[in-house]
Structure formats: C-alpha cells, structure tokens
Amino acid sequence: MRLLVIILNYRTAQLALDCLRSLEEEIATLGDARVVVVDNASGDGSAERIAAVIEQEGWGAWVELLPQATNGGFSAGNNRAIELALASADTPRYVHLLNSDTVVGRGALETLLEFMDAHPDVGLAGSRLDELDGTQQHSRFRFPTACGEFAQGASMRAVSTFLRDHIVAPPLVDEAHEIDWVAFASVMIRGTVFEDVGLLDEGYFMYFEDTDFALRARRAGWSCWYVPDSRVVHLVGQSSGVTARGGRGARRPRYWFDAHARYHRENHGRLAEWWIAFVWLAGHGFGRLRRLLMMRTETEPPWLWWDFLRYRLTWRPAGGAGRRAAAQGAPKA
C-alpha cells in the first residue's frame, strides 16, 4: 500500500465525515491508498453514525472504522491503527495522520507523497494549515528551549526580537524548508521511521507527542520538512475543545501540564524538566505583571498560573511505560 490515512475521532462525528468527504476525490486519484477512522471511545454515537454514513455513501472500499473500547489519547488512538498496518501483509509506504477537524485541499496528499518520494532522507512532512478564509496558521515549529519558553511567556516585542532564534513558532513563510517539527494535524510519516523510532509515545495523552516523535526521528537521522504547497484547512480547537481563536480560550487541562513535564524529562533529563518549569514561571510571571501594570486585557487561558503550580510542580517518576511501549511497538519489516 502506498498510503494509509488515519483520522482520529472523539465526539466529532460531523467533522470527521466532512474530512472524509474532502478525501474522497483525493483517495480515488491516488488509487493505492486507504483511510482508517479510529473512534476513541466517543460514547456519544459517533462510531455508529460514521459507520452508517460509510455504508450509505459506499465508502467501504477505501474507508475502515476502527472503534476503541477506551480513550487512551492521541498517541494511543493513532497507534492502534499504525500497529495493525505495520503488522499486515500490505505495509503502507507512508502513514498520514490527519485531524478530524480538517478539510483537505485538492492535491494536498499527492503533493506530500511526491515530495517524500523525491527526498528519501525526509522522515516527516507537514502541510500548510489555513483558516477557513485562507489565513495561514502556525504549523511549523522549533523544539522548545528555555529561551523560547521565557520569550513566549513574556510576550514582549523586545524580548522576542532578542530571542528570535529560539521562538517556538517562527515567523510565517510560504516556502518548503526543513524545520524541527510540524503540527500533526496533517503530517506524512515514512513507514520506515516507525521501524527506527517506534510508535507515538502513549505516555502523552495529548500535546507534545508530535514534538517528541519528531525529536526522536531527528535523533535517528530523519529530517522533518514543511511543504506549504500541500494545503489543509484546520478548524483550530474543534477536535480538542481546548484551543480557540480569539479570547482566552478554555482552561488548560491537566494533561497539557503532564505532557509539558514529560517532554523535557524524557528527552533532556530531570534537571531540564525543573529548569524549564522555573523559566516558564519566570517568563509568564513577567508577562502577567507587565500586562497588569499596563492595564492590558489578559490573554492567557483562565487559571493558567495556578494550574501550572498545581500540576507542573509535582514530583513524577522518571521514565514511563508509554515510552517503552512506543519504542517496542513497531514490528520490523
């Protein structure tokens, strides 16, 4: 199989169906491609609704529904489909992870496939993500650093300018280039990357699993590229319910803080985990104080500071079963 597309659904049946409709012509054009919709134990009738529409529309030849008994998060849901594919007789050359809250532009998948075929050293390639009106979103990023965490929290032009080479989300561009990591809302992954680095780390429920996977791939010798000719509309926050455009958004869930700690601990060690926590507090504290003194409207999610103190500054055991399972989860070809 040339391509396997995986769509993870959790209580977003209509969005997942809209995404499938945007893929119908793409898959027909590609020919040697299939789609798996993983329902992460939605419990709201999503799986039944998606199954009914697949049958009604006659999509069964190219779409498969894979319902799960439990919701193990983003990594676990995608891993269930990936591990089945890698263990099958028809192993996919490429795996494309696609959010349910996306609409795929014409030729978006073929563009990524052609790019990957032409660049065998590239392990991951991400699409340009757009708003409904075509406004470009940030979908390419640098790996987090202490300087980047401080600059993001301070939210000051002078600080951001001084630390511009460390900002996690660099200025928007519209040309293909190598980057540390791309948003997994639409990412093409070469199948052999899973053989080298394993599956996604299930120690992350949601957030930072994409950053972590890209870093592991980089350390294994695979590069990551941003390919803006592949365009996908991303309805930000519709699949997670956390991120929102405009305003302060929803209160950040505990699993974000757990993932933040895990990324730095697993990849850089316990000392780095605590150093980043200190820098994060310093940067965000500085930013909050500045906004208060200048009487500016608060832009951070509600209770962010308090939740960080509650959830982030707690002792966690080193290592984790999720990383070990991920490292061992992909069978060798």
C-alpha atoms as a PDB file:
ATOM      1  CA  MET A   1       0.000   0.000   0.000  1.00  0.00           C
ATOM      2  CA  ARG A   2       1.312   3.411  -0.914  1.00  0.00           C
ATOM      3  CA  LEU A   3      -0.588   5.434   1.699  1.00  0.00           C
ATOM      4  CA  LEU A   4      -2.613   4.922   4.871  1.00  0.00           C
ATOM      5  CA  VAL A   5      -4.513   7.945   6.198  1.00  0.00           C
ATOM      6  CA  ILE A   6      -5.544   7.854   9.861  1.00  0.00           C
ATOM      7  CA  ILE A   7      -8.268  10.124  11.215  1.00  0.00           C
ATOM      8  CA  LEU A   8      -8.738  10.107  14.991  1.00  0.00           C
ATOM      9  CA  ASN A   9     -12.264  10.910  16.149  1.00  0.00           C
ATOM     10  CA  TYR A  10     -13.516  11.748  19.616  1.00  0.00           C
ATOM     11  CA  ARG A  11     -17.064  13.075  19.652  1.00  0.00           C
ATOM     12  CA  THR A  12     -16.608  14.991  16.381  1.00  0.00           C
ATOM     13  CA  ALA A  13     -18.573  12.763  14.024  1.00  0.00           C
ATOM     14  CA  GLN A  14     -19.737  15.543  11.707  1.00  0.00           C
ATOM     15  CA  LEU A  15     -16.231  16.968  11.407  1.00  0.00           C
ATOM     16  CA  ALA A  16     -14.814  13.512  10.684  1.00  0.00           C
ATOM     17  CA  LEU A  17     -17.436  12.971   7.971  1.00  0.00           C
ATOM     18  CA  ASP A  18     -16.661  16.355   6.411  1.00  0.00           C
ATOM     19  CA  CYS A  19     -12.987  15.400   6.426  1.00  0.00           C
ATOM     20  CA  LEU A  20     -13.796  12.088   4.710  1.00  0.00           C
ATOM     21  CA  ARG A  21     -15.789  13.901   2.022  1.00  0.00           C
ATOM     22  CA  SER A  22     -12.795  16.128   1.324  1.00  0.00           C
ATOM     23  CA  LEU A  23     -10.676  12.986   0.936  1.00  0.00           C
ATOM     24  CA  GLU A  24     -12.988  11.082  -1.402  1.00  0.00           C
ATOM     25  CA  GLU A  25     -11.646  12.523  -4.643  1.00  0.00           C
ATOM     26  CA  GLU A  26      -8.074  12.523  -3.327  1.00  0.00           C
ATOM     27  CA  ILE A  27      -8.147   8.828  -2.494  1.00  0.00           C
ATOM     28  CA  ALA A  28      -9.757   7.971  -5.835  1.00  0.00           C
ATOM     29  CA  THR A  29      -6.975   9.846  -7.629  1.00  0.00           C
ATOM     30  CA  LEU A  30      -4.209   8.189  -5.640  1.00  0.00           C
ATOM     31  CA  GLY A  31      -5.621   4.699  -6.104  1.00  0.00           C
ATOM     32  CA  ASP A  32      -3.323   2.741  -3.787  1.00  0.00           C
ATOM     33  CA  ALA A  33      -4.493   4.372  -0.562  1.00  0.00           C
ATOM     34  CA  ARG A  34      -6.871   3.675   2.303  1.00  0.00           C
ATOM     35  CA  VAL A  35      -8.338   5.578   5.251  1.00  0.00           C
ATOM     36  CA  VAL A  36      -8.889   4.351   8.812  1.00  0.00           C
ATOM     37  CA  VAL A  37     -11.125   6.327  11.159  1.00  0.00           C
ATOM     38  CA  VAL A  38     -10.269   5.483  14.756  1.00  0.00           C
ATOM     39  CA  ASP A  39     -13.086   6.281  17.147  1.00  0.00           C
ATOM     40  CA  ASN A  40     -11.527   6.849  20.566  1.00  0.00           C
ATOM     41  CA  ALA A  41     -14.448   5.506  22.628  1.00  0.00           C
ATOM     42  CA  SER A  42     -16.570   8.583  21.968  1.00  0.00           C
ATOM     43  CA  GLY A  43     -19.592   7.092  23.700  1.00  0.00           C
ATOM     44  CA  ASP A  44     -21.925   9.588  22.024  1.00  0.00           C
ATOM     45  CA  GLY A  45     -22.982   7.586  18.998  1.00  0.00           C
ATOM     46  CA  SER A  46     -20.124   8.883  16.838  1.00  0.00           C
ATOM     47  CA  ALA A  47     -18.913   5.429  15.822  1.00  0.00           C
ATOM     48  CA  GLU A  48     -22.417   4.303  14.853  1.00  0.00           C
ATOM     49  CA  ARG A  49     -23.060   7.487  12.873  1.00  0.00           C
ATOM     50  CA  ILE A  50     -19.766   7.275  10.986  1.00  0.00           C
ATOM     51  CA  ALA A  51     -20.335   3.587  10.227  1.00  0.00           C
ATOM     52  CA  ALA A  52     -23.817   4.339   8.875  1.00  0.00           C
ATOM     53  CA  VAL A  53     -22.549   7.085   6.556  1.00  0.00           C
ATOM     54  CA  ILE A  54     -19.678   4.914   5.307  1.00  0.00           C
ATOM     55  CA  GLU A  55     -22.234   2.290   4.287  1.00  0.00           C
ATOM     56  CA  GLN A  56     -24.705   4.837   2.913  1.00  0.00           C
ATOM     57  CA  GLU A  57     -22.084   6.594   0.766  1.00  0.00           C
ATOM     58  CA  GLY A  58     -20.480   3.370  -0.415  1.00  0.00           C
ATOM     59  CA  TRP A  59     -17.119   4.313   1.063  1.00  0.00           C
ATOM     60  CA  GLY A  60     -16.364   0.829   2.365  1.00  0.00           C
ATOM     61  CA  ALA A  61     -13.853   0.142  -0.402  1.00  0.00           C
ATOM     62  CA  TRP A  62     -11.494   2.811   0.922  1.00  0.00           C
ATOM     63  CA  VAL A  63     -12.605   3.664   4.494  1.00  0.00           C
ATOM     64  CA  GLU A  64     -12.460   1.442   7.565  1.00  0.00           C
ATOM     65  CA  LEU A  65     -13.826   2.283  11.015  1.00  0.00           C
ATOM     66  CA  LEU A  66     -11.749   1.123  13.986  1.00  0.00           C
ATOM     67  CA  PRO A  67     -13.711   1.699  17.238  1.00  0.00           C
ATOM     68  CA  GLN A  68     -11.826   1.598  20.533  1.00  0.00           C
ATOM     69  CA  ALA A  69     -13.113   0.405  23.905  1.00  0.00           C
ATOM     70  CA  THR A  70     -11.216   3.102  25.822  1.00  0.00           C
ATOM     71  CA  ASN A  71      -9.913   6.595  25.119  1.00  0.00           C
ATOM     72  CA  GLY A  72      -6.170   6.418  25.572  1.00  0.00           C
ATOM     73  CA  GLY A  73      -5.489   9.789  23.978  1.00  0.00           C
ATOM     74  CA  PHE A  74      -3.997  10.964  20.692  1.00  0.00           C
ATOM     75  CA  SER A  75      -0.956   8.678  20.651  1.00  0.00           C
ATOM     76  CA  ALA A  76      -2.811   5.546  21.705  1.00  0.00           C
ATOM     77  CA  GLY A  77      -5.635   6.046  19.214  1.00  0.00           C
ATOM     78  CA  ASN A  78      -3.294   6.559  16.267  1.00  0.00           C
ATOM     79  CA  ASN A  79      -1.015   3.747  17.406  1.00  0.00           C
ATOM     80  CA  ARG A  80      -3.825   1.184  17.243  1.00  0.00           C
ATOM     81  CA  ALA A  81      -4.219   1.837  13.530  1.00  0.00           C
ATOM     82  CA  ILE A  82      -0.481   2.158  12.851  1.00  0.00           C
ATOM     83  CA  GLU A  83       0.468  -1.102  14.548  1.00  0.00           C
ATOM     84  CA  LEU A  84      -2.211  -3.039  12.652  1.00  0.00           C
ATOM     85  CA  ALA A  85      -0.982  -1.582   9.374  1.00  0.00           C
ATOM     86  CA  LEU A  86       2.666  -2.322  10.083  1.00  0.00           C
ATOM     87  CA  ALA A  87       1.838  -5.901  11.039  1.00  0.00           C
ATOM     88  CA  SER A  88      -0.225  -6.507   7.899  1.00  0.00           C
ATOM     89  CA  ALA A  89       0.954  -8.120   4.672  1.00  0.00           C
ATOM     90  CA  ASP A  90       0.339  -4.834   2.844  1.00  0.00           C
ATOM     91  CA  THR A  91       2.512  -2.458   4.874  1.00  0.00           C
ATOM     92  CA  PRO A  92       1.997   1.196   3.935  1.00  0.00           C
ATOM     93  CA  ARG A  93       4.939   3.074   2.494  1.00  0.00           C
ATOM     94  CA  TYR A  94       3.597   6.238   4.119  1.00  0.00           C
ATOM     95  CA  VAL A  95       1.237   6.986   7.005  1.00  0.00           C
ATOM     96  CA  HIS A  96      -0.637  10.285   7.062  1.00  0.00           C
ATOM     97  CA  LEU A  97      -2.052  11.475  10.389  1.00  0.00           C
ATOM     98  CA  LEU A  98      -4.988  13.817   9.898  1.00  0.00           C
ATOM     99  CA  ASN A  99      -7.127  15.628  12.466  1.00  0.00           C
ATOM    100  CA  SER A 100     -10.874  15.167  12.284  1.00  0.00           C
ATOM    101  CA  ASP A 101     -11.238  18.971  12.262  1.00  0.00           C
ATOM    102  CA  THR A 102      -9.547  19.369   8.870  1.00  0.00           C
ATOM    103  CA  VAL A 103     -10.659  19.722   5.278  1.00  0.00           C
ATOM    104  CA  VAL A 104      -8.082  18.523   2.768  1.00  0.00           C
ATOM    105  CA  GLY A 105      -7.335  20.777  -0.203  1.00  0.00           C
ATOM    106  CA  ARG A 106      -7.155  19.421  -3.732  1.00  0.00           C
ATOM    107  CA  GLY A 107      -3.884  17.608  -4.352  1.00  0.00           C
ATOM    108  CA  ALA A 108      -2.686  18.041  -0.763  1.00  0.00           C
ATOM    109  CA  LEU A 109      -1.849  14.373  -0.236  1.00  0.00           C
ATOM    110  CA  GLU A 110      -0.315  13.837  -3.669  1.00  0.00           C
ATOM    111  CA  THR A 111       1.913  16.878  -3.096  1.00  0.00           C
ATOM    112  CA  LEU A 112       3.284  15.383   0.113  1.00  0.00           C
ATOM    113  CA  LEU A 113       3.726  11.960  -1.481  1.00  0.00           C
ATOM    114  CA  GLU A 114       5.659  13.393  -4.422  1.00  0.00           C
ATOM    115  CA  PHE A 115       7.848  15.386  -2.049  1.00  0.00           C
ATOM    116  CA  MET A 116       8.596  12.339   0.102  1.00  0.00           C
ATOM    117  CA  ASP A 117       9.316  10.175  -2.955  1.00  0.00           C
ATOM    118  CA  ALA A 118      11.775  12.808  -4.209  1.00  0.00           C
ATOM    119  CA  HIS A 119      13.514  13.194  -0.827  1.00  0.00           C
ATOM    120  CA  PRO A 120      14.227   9.745   0.679  1.00  0.00           C
ATOM    121  CA  ASP A 121      16.050  11.263   3.666  1.00  0.00           C
ATOM    122  CA  VAL A 122      12.890  13.064   4.842  1.00  0.00           C
ATOM    123  CA  GLY A 123      11.006  11.184   7.536  1.00  0.00           C
ATOM    124  CA  LEU A 124       8.152  13.619   8.184  1.00  0.00           C
ATOM    125  CA  ALA A 125       6.470  16.282   6.050  1.00  0.00           C
ATOM    126  CA  GLY A 126       3.705  18.629   7.146  1.00  0.00           C
ATOM    127  CA  SER A 127       1.073  20.604   5.258  1.00  0.00           C
ATOM    128  CA  ARG A 128       0.373  24.304   5.379  1.00  0.00           C
ATOM    129  CA  LEU A 129      -2.633  24.747   7.677  1.00  0.00           C
ATOM    130  CA  ASP A 130      -5.139  27.505   6.937  1.00  0.00           C
ATOM    131  CA  GLU A 131      -8.169  29.143   8.465  1.00  0.00           C
ATOM    132  CA  LEU A 132     -11.448  28.864   6.550  1.00  0.00           C
ATOM    133  CA  ASP A 133     -10.720  32.236   4.933  1.00  0.00           C
ATOM    134  CA  GLY A 134      -7.277  31.093   3.773  1.00  0.00           C
ATOM    135  CA  THR A 135      -5.311  32.846   6.526  1.00  0.00           C
ATOM    136  CA  GLN A 136      -2.131  30.889   7.220  1.00  0.00           C
ATOM    137  CA  GLN A 137      -1.760  29.270  10.633  1.00  0.00           C
ATOM    138  CA  HIS A 138       1.429  28.479  12.521  1.00  0.00           C
ATOM    139  CA  SER A 139       2.069  24.798  11.790  1.00  0.00           C
ATOM    140  CA  ARG A 140       5.889  24.604  11.788  1.00  0.00           C
ATOM    141  CA  PHE A 141       7.923  24.934  14.933  1.00  0.00           C
ATOM    142  CA  ARG A 142      11.288  24.811  16.645  1.00  0.00           C
ATOM    143  CA  PHE A 143      11.980  22.435  19.500  1.00  0.00           C
ATOM    144  CA  PRO A 144      11.243  24.061  22.886  1.00  0.00           C
ATOM    145  CA  THR A 145      14.157  25.669  24.708  1.00  0.00           C
ATOM    146  CA  ALA A 146      14.443  27.644  27.939  1.00  0.00           C
ATOM    147  CA  CYS A 147      14.867  30.886  25.988  1.00  0.00           C
ATOM    148  CA  GLY A 148      11.847  30.122  23.862  1.00  0.00           C
ATOM    149  CA  GLU A 149       9.698  29.363  26.911  1.00  0.00           C
ATOM    150  CA  PHE A 150      10.689  32.647  28.525  1.00  0.00           C
ATOM    151  CA  ALA A 151      10.045  34.696  25.385  1.00  0.00           C
ATOM    152  CA  GLN A 152       6.652  33.121  24.847  1.00  0.00           C
ATOM    153  CA  GLY A 153       5.591  33.850  28.416  1.00  0.00           C
ATOM    154  CA  ALA A 154       6.948  37.397  28.494  1.00  0.00           C
ATOM    155  CA  SER A 155       5.138  38.252  25.252  1.00  0.00           C
ATOM    156  CA  MET A 156       7.214  41.405  24.684  1.00  0.00           C
ATOM    157  CA  ARG A 157       8.461  42.544  21.286  1.00  0.00           C
ATOM    158  CA  ALA A 158      11.886  43.462  22.643  1.00  0.00           C
ATOM    159  CA  VAL A 159      12.321  40.050  24.290  1.00  0.00           C
ATOM    160  CA  SER A 160      11.011  38.193  21.241  1.00  0.00           C
ATOM    161  CA  THR A 161      13.353  40.138  18.954  1.00  0.00           C
ATOM    162  CA  PHE A 162      16.371  39.429  21.143  1.00  0.00           C
ATOM    163  CA  LEU A 163      15.472  35.719  21.376  1.00  0.00           C
ATOM    164  CA  ARG A 164      14.073  35.396  17.853  1.00  0.00           C
ATOM    165  CA  ASP A 165      16.154  32.325  17.045  1.00  0.00           C
ATOM    166  CA  HIS A 166      14.540  30.488  19.967  1.00  0.00           C
ATOM    167  CA  ILE A 167      10.870  31.345  19.427  1.00  0.00           C
ATOM    168  CA  VAL A 168       8.934  28.074  19.119  1.00  0.00           C
ATOM    169  CA  ALA A 169       6.660  29.412  16.356  1.00  0.00           C
ATOM    170  CA  PRO A 170       8.919  31.295  13.898  1.00  0.00           C
ATOM    171  CA  PRO A 171       7.534  33.947  11.514  1.00  0.00           C
ATOM    172  CA  LEU A 172       5.192  32.625   8.838  1.00  0.00           C
ATOM    173  CA  VAL A 173       6.713  31.774   5.471  1.00  0.00           C
ATOM    174  CA  ASP A 174       5.335  30.089   2.372  1.00  0.00           C
ATOM    175  CA  GLU A 175       8.241  28.086   1.019  1.00  0.00           C
ATOM    176  CA  ALA A 176       9.284  24.488   1.620  1.00  0.00           C
ATOM    177  CA  HIS A 177      12.098  24.088   4.132  1.00  0.00           C
ATOM    178  CA  GLU A 178      13.453  21.855   6.861  1.00  0.00           C
ATOM    179  CA  ILE A 179      12.114  22.560  10.341  1.00  0.00           C
ATOM    180  CA  ASP A 180      12.322  20.869  13.753  1.00  0.00           C
ATOM    181  CA  TRP A 181       8.710  19.675  13.860  1.00  0.00           C
ATOM    182  CA  VAL A 182       5.329  20.212  12.240  1.00  0.00           C
ATOM    183  CA  ALA A 183       1.783  20.075  13.552  1.00  0.00           C
ATOM    184  CA  PHE A 184       0.384  16.560  13.481  1.00  0.00           C
ATOM    185  CA  ALA A 185      -2.993  17.911  12.338  1.00  0.00           C
ATOM    186  CA  SER A 186      -1.695  16.934   8.882  1.00  0.00           C
ATOM    187  CA  VAL A 187       1.621  15.108   8.703  1.00  0.00           C
ATOM    188  CA  MET A 188       3.029  12.468   6.353  1.00  0.00           C
ATOM    189  CA  ILE A 189       5.359   9.948   8.004  1.00  0.00           C
ATOM    190  CA  ARG A 190       7.540   7.486   6.130  1.00  0.00           C
ATOM    191  CA  GLY A 191       6.726   3.950   7.225  1.00  0.00           C
ATOM    192  CA  THR A 192      10.349   3.045   7.936  1.00  0.00           C
ATOM    193  CA  VAL A 193      10.545   5.829  10.536  1.00  0.00           C
ATOM    194  CA  PHE A 194       8.324   3.745  12.815  1.00  0.00           C
ATOM    195  CA  GLU A 195      10.761   0.857  12.468  1.00  0.00           C
ATOM    196  CA  ASP A 196      13.603   3.108  13.631  1.00  0.00           C
ATOM    197  CA  VAL A 197      11.954   5.038  16.484  1.00  0.00           C
ATOM    198  CA  GLY A 198       8.803   3.082  17.381  1.00  0.00           C
ATOM    199  CA  LEU A 199       5.249   4.328  17.630  1.00  0.00           C
ATOM    200  CA  LEU A 200       3.969   7.511  19.233  1.00  0.00           C
ATOM    201  CA  ASP A 201       4.670   7.679  22.966  1.00  0.00           C
ATOM    202  CA  GLU A 202       1.475   6.742  24.794  1.00  0.00           C
ATOM    203  CA  GLY A 203       2.750   8.432  27.929  1.00  0.00           C
ATOM    204  CA  TYR A 204       1.328  11.600  26.354  1.00  0.00           C
ATOM    205  CA  PHE A 205      -2.460  11.783  26.427  1.00  0.00           C
ATOM    206  CA  MET A 206      -2.492  14.853  24.186  1.00  0.00           C
ATOM    207  CA  TYR A 207       0.044  17.578  23.301  1.00  0.00           C
ATOM    208  CA  PHE A 208       3.829  17.287  22.874  1.00  0.00           C
ATOM    209  CA  GLU A 209       3.587  13.797  21.384  1.00  0.00           C
ATOM    210  CA  ASP A 210       4.243  15.339  17.961  1.00  0.00           C
ATOM    211  CA  THR A 211       7.239  17.312  19.242  1.00  0.00           C
ATOM    212  CA  ASP A 212       8.576  14.211  20.967  1.00  0.00           C
ATOM    213  CA  PHE A 213       8.171  11.981  17.905  1.00  0.00           C
ATOM    214  CA  ALA A 214       9.882  14.492  15.617  1.00  0.00           C
ATOM    215  CA  LEU A 215      12.798  14.788  18.037  1.00  0.00           C
ATOM    216  CA  ARG A 216      13.193  11.020  18.226  1.00  0.00           C
ATOM    217  CA  ALA A 217      13.097  10.858  14.427  1.00  0.00           C
ATOM    218  CA  ARG A 218      15.716  13.623  14.188  1.00  0.00           C
ATOM    219  CA  ARG A 219      17.997  11.728  16.565  1.00  0.00           C
ATOM    220  CA  ALA A 220      17.566   8.632  14.365  1.00  0.00           C
ATOM    221  CA  GLY A 221      18.726  10.589  11.326  1.00  0.00           C
ATOM    222  CA  TRP A 222      15.386  11.577   9.763  1.00  0.00           C
ATOM    223  CA  SER A 223      14.641  15.162   8.769  1.00  0.00           C
ATOM    224  CA  CYS A 224      11.310  16.966   9.012  1.00  0.00           C
ATOM    225  CA  TRP A 225      10.039  19.377   6.341  1.00  0.00           C
ATOM    226  CA  TYR A 226       7.285  21.918   5.922  1.00  0.00           C
ATOM    227  CA  VAL A 227       5.625  21.659   2.495  1.00  0.00           C
ATOM    228  CA  PRO A 228       3.211  24.590   2.015  1.00  0.00           C
ATOM    229  CA  ASP A 229       2.057  23.502  -1.454  1.00  0.00           C
ATOM    230  CA  SER A 230       0.053  20.891   0.455  1.00  0.00           C
ATOM    231  CA  ARG A 231      -2.799  22.943   1.910  1.00  0.00           C
ATOM    232  CA  VAL A 232      -5.296  21.825   4.534  1.00  0.00           C
ATOM    233  CA  VAL A 233      -7.980  23.859   6.309  1.00  0.00           C
ATOM    234  CA  HIS A 234      -7.719  23.377  10.066  1.00  0.00           C
ATOM    235  CA  LEU A 235     -10.671  24.320  12.262  1.00  0.00           C
ATOM    236  CA  VAL A 236      -8.471  25.065  15.257  1.00  0.00           C
ATOM    237  CA  GLY A 237      -9.526  23.521  18.545  1.00  0.00           C
ATOM    238  CA  GLN A 238     -12.634  21.763  17.237  1.00  0.00           C
ATOM    239  CA  SER A 239     -11.213  18.289  17.824  1.00  0.00           C
ATOM    240  CA  SER A 240      -9.727  19.007  21.271  1.00  0.00           C
ATOM    241  CA  GLY A 241     -12.045  21.713  22.592  1.00  0.00           C
ATOM    242  CA  VAL A 242      -9.035  23.392  24.215  1.00  0.00           C
ATOM    243  CA  THR A 243      -7.505  25.824  21.722  1.00  0.00           C
ATOM    244  CA  ALA A 244      -9.649  28.649  20.401  1.00  0.00           C
ATOM    245  CA  ARG A 245      -9.236  31.601  18.067  1.00  0.00           C
ATOM    246  CA  GLY A 246      -9.768  34.936  19.798  1.00  0.00           C
ATOM    247  CA  GLY A 247     -10.253  35.472  23.508  1.00  0.00           C
ATOM    248  CA  ARG A 248      -8.557  33.439  26.208  1.00  0.00           C
ATOM    249  CA  GLY A 249      -9.798  30.013  25.181  1.00  0.00           C
ATOM    250  CA  ALA A 250     -10.667  27.192  27.558  1.00  0.00           C
ATOM    251  CA  ARG A 251      -8.921  26.367  30.794  1.00  0.00           C
ATOM    252  CA  ARG A 252      -5.882  24.238  30.026  1.00  0.00           C
ATOM    253  CA  PRO A 253      -6.380  20.580  31.073  1.00  0.00           C
ATOM    254  CA  ARG A 254      -4.061  18.752  33.410  1.00  0.00           C
ATOM    255  CA  TYR A 255      -2.776  16.509  30.635  1.00  0.00           C
ATOM    256  CA  TRP A 256      -1.160  19.552  28.974  1.00  0.00           C
ATOM    257  CA  PHE A 257       0.976  20.175  32.065  1.00  0.00           C
ATOM    258  CA  ASP A 258       1.793  16.465  32.373  1.00  0.00           C
ATOM    259  CA  ALA A 259       2.854  16.395  28.717  1.00  0.00           C
ATOM    260  CA  HIS A 260       4.953  19.555  29.133  1.00  0.00           C
ATOM    261  CA  ALA A 261       6.848  17.943  32.001  1.00  0.00           C
ATOM    262  CA  ARG A 262       7.177  14.583  30.256  1.00  0.00           C
ATOM    263  CA  TYR A 263       8.653  16.022  27.071  1.00  0.00           C
ATOM    264  CA  HIS A 264      11.514  17.758  28.860  1.00  0.00           C
ATOM    265  CA  ARG A 265      12.081  14.952  31.358  1.00  0.00           C
ATOM    266  CA  GLU A 266      12.128  12.105  28.818  1.00  0.00           C
ATOM    267  CA  ASN A 267      14.236  13.913  26.238  1.00  0.00           C
ATOM    268  CA  HIS A 268      16.564  16.066  28.339  1.00  0.00           C
ATOM    269  CA  GLY A 269      16.531  14.696  31.881  1.00  0.00           C
ATOM    270  CA  ARG A 270      15.118  15.520  35.290  1.00  0.00           C
ATOM    271  CA  LEU A 271      17.229  18.641  35.761  1.00  0.00           C
ATOM    272  CA  ALA A 272      15.972  20.085  32.485  1.00  0.00           C
ATOM    273  CA  GLU A 273      12.385  19.345  33.495  1.00  0.00           C
ATOM    274  CA  TRP A 274      12.694  21.506  36.603  1.00  0.00           C
ATOM    275  CA  TRP A 275      14.819  24.199  34.954  1.00  0.00           C
ATOM    276  CA  ILE A 276      12.182  24.635  32.236  1.00  0.00           C
ATOM    277  CA  ALA A 277       9.478  24.831  34.903  1.00  0.00           C
ATOM    278  CA  PHE A 278      11.368  27.669  36.612  1.00  0.00           C
ATOM    279  CA  VAL A 279      11.924  29.528  33.330  1.00  0.00           C
ATOM    280  CA  TRP A 280       8.267  29.073  32.340  1.00  0.00           C
ATOM    281  CA  LEU A 281       7.138  30.568  35.646  1.00  0.00           C
ATOM    282  CA  ALA A 282       9.586  33.459  35.314  1.00  0.00           C
ATOM    283  CA  GLY A 283       8.538  34.280  31.758  1.00  0.00           C
ATOM    284  CA  HIS A 284       4.808  34.046  32.356  1.00  0.00           C
ATOM    285  CA  GLY A 285       5.066  35.869  35.662  1.00  0.00           C
ATOM    286  CA  PHE A 286       6.951  38.693  33.992  1.00  0.00           C
ATOM    287  CA  GLY A 287       4.377  38.831  31.212  1.00  0.00           C
ATOM    288  CA  ARG A 288       1.426  38.869  33.613  1.00  0.00           C
ATOM    289  CA  LEU A 289       2.956  41.634  35.713  1.00  0.00           C
ATOM    290  CA  ARG A 290       3.630  43.730  32.609  1.00  0.00           C
ATOM    291  CA  ARG A 291       0.064  43.336  31.348  1.00  0.00           C
ATOM    292  CA  LEU A 292      -1.278  44.209  34.795  1.00  0.00           C
ATOM    293  CA  LEU A 293       0.822  47.379  35.085  1.00  0.00           C
ATOM    294  CA  MET A 294      -0.109  48.466  31.572  1.00  0.00           C
ATOM    295  CA  MET A 295      -3.778  47.588  32.222  1.00  0.00           C
ATOM    296  CA  ARG A 296      -3.938  45.318  29.200  1.00  0.00           C
ATOM    297  CA  THR A 297      -6.528  42.588  28.737  1.00  0.00           C
ATOM    298  CA  GLU A 298      -5.378  39.175  29.914  1.00  0.00           C
ATOM    299  CA  THR A 299      -4.708  36.812  27.016  1.00  0.00           C
ATOM    300  CA  GLU A 300      -3.714  33.634  28.844  1.00  0.00           C
ATOM    301  CA  PRO A 301      -6.184  30.778  29.417  1.00  0.00           C
ATOM    302  CA  PRO A 302      -8.084  31.058  32.720  1.00  0.00           C
ATOM    303  CA  TRP A 303      -6.224  29.885  35.834  1.00  0.00           C
ATOM    304  CA  LEU A 304      -3.077  29.099  33.830  1.00  0.00           C
ATOM    305  CA  TRP A 305      -0.668  30.291  36.503  1.00  0.00           C
ATOM    306  CA  TRP A 306      -2.440  28.475  39.331  1.00  0.00           C
ATOM    307  CA  ASP A 307      -2.849  25.268  37.328  1.00  0.00           C
ATOM    308  CA  PHE A 308       0.849  25.272  36.452  1.00  0.00           C
ATOM    309  CA  LEU A 309       1.722  25.489  40.144  1.00  0.00           C
ATOM    310  CA  ARG A 310      -0.763  22.713  40.978  1.00  0.00           C
ATOM    311  CA  TYR A 311       0.078  20.277  38.237  1.00  0.00           C
ATOM    312  CA  ARG A 312       3.522  21.059  36.914  1.00  0.00           C
ATOM    313  CA  LEU A 313       5.429  21.460  40.162  1.00  0.00           C
ATOM    314  CA  THR A 314       4.727  17.957  41.432  1.00  0.00           C
ATOM    315  CA  TRP A 315       7.107  15.023  41.599  1.00  0.00           C
ATOM    316  CA  ARG A 316       6.738  12.431  38.838  1.00  0.00           C
ATOM    317  CA  PRO A 317       8.616   9.157  38.465  1.00  0.00           C
ATOM    318  CA  ALA A 318      11.341   9.150  35.829  1.00  0.00           C
ATOM    319  CA  GLY A 319      10.800   7.169  32.660  1.00  0.00           C
ATOM    320  CA  GLY A 320       7.455   5.646  31.822  1.00  0.00           C
ATOM    321  CA  ALA A 321       5.731   2.628  30.320  1.00  0.00           C
ATOM    322  CA  GLY A 322       4.456   4.756  27.451  1.00  0.00           C
ATOM    323  CA  ARG A 323       7.945   5.430  26.092  1.00  0.00           C
ATOM    324  CA  ARG A 324       8.993   1.808  26.458  1.00  0.00           C
ATOM    325  CA  ALA A 325       5.817   0.596  24.740  1.00  0.00           C
ATOM    326  CA  ALA A 326       6.317   3.088  21.925  1.00  0.00           C
ATOM    327  CA  ALA A 327       9.929   2.009  21.420  1.00  0.00           C
ATOM    328  CA  GLN A 328       8.914  -1.628  21.174  1.00  0.00           C
ATOM    329  CA  GLY A 329       5.584  -1.229  19.444  1.00  0.00           C
ATOM    330  CA  ALA A 330       6.532  -1.210  15.755  1.00  0.00           C
ATOM    331  CA  PRO A 331       7.363  -4.625  14.299  1.00  0.00           C
ATOM    332  CA  LYS A 332      10.330  -4.821  11.976  1.00  0.00           C
ATOM    333  CA  ALA A 333       9.649  -5.409   8.311  1.00  0.00           C
END
